[in-house]
Every structure is written in structure tokens, then in C-alpha cells.
Protein backbone atom coordinates (compact mmCIF):
# COMPACT_ATOMS: atom_id res chain seq x y z
CA MET A 1 -143.20 -56.86 -16.86
CA TYR A 2 -143.77 -57.23 -20.58
CA TYR A 3 -144.04 -60.72 -22.11
CA CYS A 4 -143.37 -61.00 -25.84
CA PRO A 5 -143.91 -64.43 -27.40
CA ILE A 6 -142.61 -64.71 -30.96
CA GLN A 7 -144.95 -67.16 -32.66
CA ILE A 8 -143.63 -67.12 -36.23
CA GLU A 9 -140.34 -67.08 -38.08
CA LEU A 10 -139.43 -63.42 -38.63
CA HIS A 11 -138.21 -61.85 -41.85
CA ASP A 12 -136.11 -58.70 -41.52
CA LYS A 13 -138.96 -56.15 -41.74
CA ALA A 14 -141.09 -58.05 -39.22
CA ALA A 15 -138.14 -58.33 -36.84
CA ILE A 16 -137.51 -54.57 -37.00
CA LYS A 17 -141.22 -53.92 -36.39
CA LEU A 18 -141.13 -56.30 -33.42
CA ARG A 19 -138.20 -54.39 -31.91
CA GLU A 20 -140.07 -51.10 -32.33
CA ASP A 21 -143.22 -52.59 -30.78
CA ILE A 22 -141.28 -53.97 -27.80
CA LEU A 23 -139.54 -50.67 -27.12
CA ASN A 24 -142.80 -48.72 -27.48
CA LYS A 25 -144.54 -51.09 -25.06
CA ILE A 26 -141.70 -50.72 -22.53
CA GLU A 27 -142.02 -46.95 -22.79
CA GLU A 28 -145.83 -47.01 -22.49
CA THR A 29 -145.92 -49.37 -19.51
CA SER A 30 -142.64 -48.45 -17.78
CA ALA A 31 -141.91 -52.18 -17.68
CA THR A 32 -138.81 -53.03 -15.67
CA SER A 33 -138.66 -56.58 -17.05
CA LEU A 34 -139.00 -58.04 -20.52
CA ILE A 35 -139.33 -61.70 -21.42
CA ILE A 36 -138.89 -62.59 -25.08
CA ASP A 37 -140.10 -66.13 -25.79
CA VAL A 38 -138.44 -67.60 -28.88
CA SER A 39 -139.59 -71.21 -28.38
CA ALA A 40 -141.50 -71.14 -31.69
CA ILE A 41 -138.43 -70.02 -33.66
CA SER A 42 -136.36 -72.75 -35.28
CA ILE A 43 -133.96 -70.56 -37.26
CA VAL A 44 -131.95 -67.54 -36.13
CA ASP A 45 -129.73 -65.80 -38.67
CA SER A 46 -127.09 -63.22 -37.86
CA PHE A 47 -129.55 -60.34 -38.42
CA LEU A 48 -132.17 -61.67 -36.01
CA GLY A 49 -129.52 -62.58 -33.45
CA ARG A 50 -128.05 -59.07 -33.55
CA LEU A 51 -131.53 -57.56 -33.44
CA LEU A 52 -132.39 -59.52 -30.28
CA GLY A 53 -129.14 -58.37 -28.69
CA ASP A 54 -129.71 -54.77 -29.72
CA THR A 55 -133.27 -54.88 -28.42
CA ALA A 56 -132.01 -56.09 -25.04
CA LYS A 57 -129.36 -53.37 -25.00
CA MET A 58 -131.94 -50.67 -25.80
CA ALA A 59 -134.29 -52.07 -23.15
CA ASN A 60 -131.41 -51.99 -20.66
CA PHE A 61 -130.86 -48.29 -21.42
CA MET A 62 -134.56 -47.83 -20.59
CA GLY A 63 -134.08 -49.57 -17.22
CA THR A 64 -135.53 -52.91 -18.29
CA ASP A 65 -133.96 -56.33 -17.70
CA THR A 66 -134.37 -58.76 -20.60
CA VAL A 67 -134.69 -62.53 -20.36
CA LEU A 68 -134.71 -64.67 -23.50
CA VAL A 69 -136.58 -67.94 -22.99
CA GLY A 70 -137.23 -71.03 -25.08
CA LEU A 71 -134.00 -71.22 -27.05
CA ARG A 72 -133.89 -74.49 -28.97
CA LYS A 73 -130.67 -76.47 -29.12
CA GLU A 74 -130.26 -75.92 -32.87
CA VAL A 75 -130.78 -72.17 -32.45
CA VAL A 76 -128.11 -72.01 -29.74
CA ILE A 77 -125.70 -73.98 -31.94
CA THR A 78 -126.34 -71.64 -34.88
CA MET A 79 -125.84 -68.54 -32.74
CA ILE A 80 -122.53 -69.89 -31.47
CA GLN A 81 -121.42 -70.81 -35.00
CA LEU A 82 -122.29 -67.28 -36.15
CA GLY A 83 -120.20 -65.87 -33.32
CA LEU A 84 -123.14 -63.96 -31.85
CA VAL A 85 -122.52 -62.59 -28.38
CA LEU A 86 -125.63 -61.37 -26.63
CA THR A 87 -124.90 -58.82 -23.94
CA ASN A 88 -127.41 -57.22 -21.57
CA ILE A 89 -129.58 -60.30 -21.93
CA HIS A 90 -130.28 -63.20 -19.61
CA THR A 91 -131.47 -66.62 -20.75
CA SER A 92 -133.68 -69.31 -19.25
CA MET A 93 -134.84 -72.65 -20.53
CA ASN A 94 -138.56 -71.85 -20.36
CA LEU A 95 -141.08 -69.23 -19.30
CA GLU A 96 -141.39 -70.56 -15.75
CA ASP A 97 -137.63 -70.35 -15.20
CA GLY A 98 -137.61 -66.92 -16.86
CA LEU A 99 -140.18 -65.62 -14.39
CA LEU A 100 -138.12 -66.96 -11.49
CA LEU A 101 -135.05 -65.23 -12.93
CA ILE A 102 -136.96 -61.95 -13.22
CA ASP A 103 -137.89 -62.22 -9.54
CA LYS A 104 -134.26 -62.91 -8.62
CA LEU A 105 -133.04 -59.92 -10.66
CA LYS A 106 -135.58 -57.66 -8.93
CA LYS A 107 -134.51 -58.90 -5.50
CA ASP A 108 -130.83 -58.41 -6.38
CA LYS A 109 -131.53 -54.82 -7.46
CA SER A 110 -133.47 -54.05 -4.29
CA ILE A 111 -130.63 -55.41 -2.16
CA GLY A 112 -128.13 -53.30 -4.09
CA ASN A 113 -130.10 -50.09 -3.47
């Protein structure tokens, strides 16, 4: 599992670098799970929202489940108002719930095999 806490508001270049770093780390570690913690982010624009969705989609292609944790109420409202639809991504209220979800996803996959 790879845990990626985002501790600062991201401008476009930093967000693109973050996506590259996440995908490189997944490749290096063969991580089957990714948790992106956005609890420190108070603003999500359409670019960052799409980038998070695209990162999850790319991770999925690499065999990695993505869980987004720590979404603030105002961020969720903004994402809905922007019409952002995040596919290939799961959400949890906090890191603890995200870890439980990762365990559930792993169990579900093992049952399906």
C-alpha cells in the first residue's frame, strides 16, 4: 500500500508532479492499494479534481485500488458544483476508515479469484 498525504494547496505544476510521483511509487513498489489523503486541502478546482480522477484511473490500470480520504464538506460541495465525477476511486471519511476499506477491497478480490 502507498499512502500519499497532500499537505499543501497544489498549483497546477505541483499537482502534475504529484501525479507523476504517485505513479512512479506504485510502479517501484508494486503497490496494490493507494490512499490519497486530502484532509489538508480546502480548495479543489476543476483541474485538481480531474487530476485526482485521472490518477486513480491510471493507478487502476496498474492494478492499484485508490481510496481518497479526508474530503472536507466544502470540497465535496465544490466538486459537485463543478460536475466532477470521479470514477475508479473510492472515498472514506478518514484514514482509519480508508484502511478498513482497503482491507475490504482486498478480501473482495481474493473471494472473486
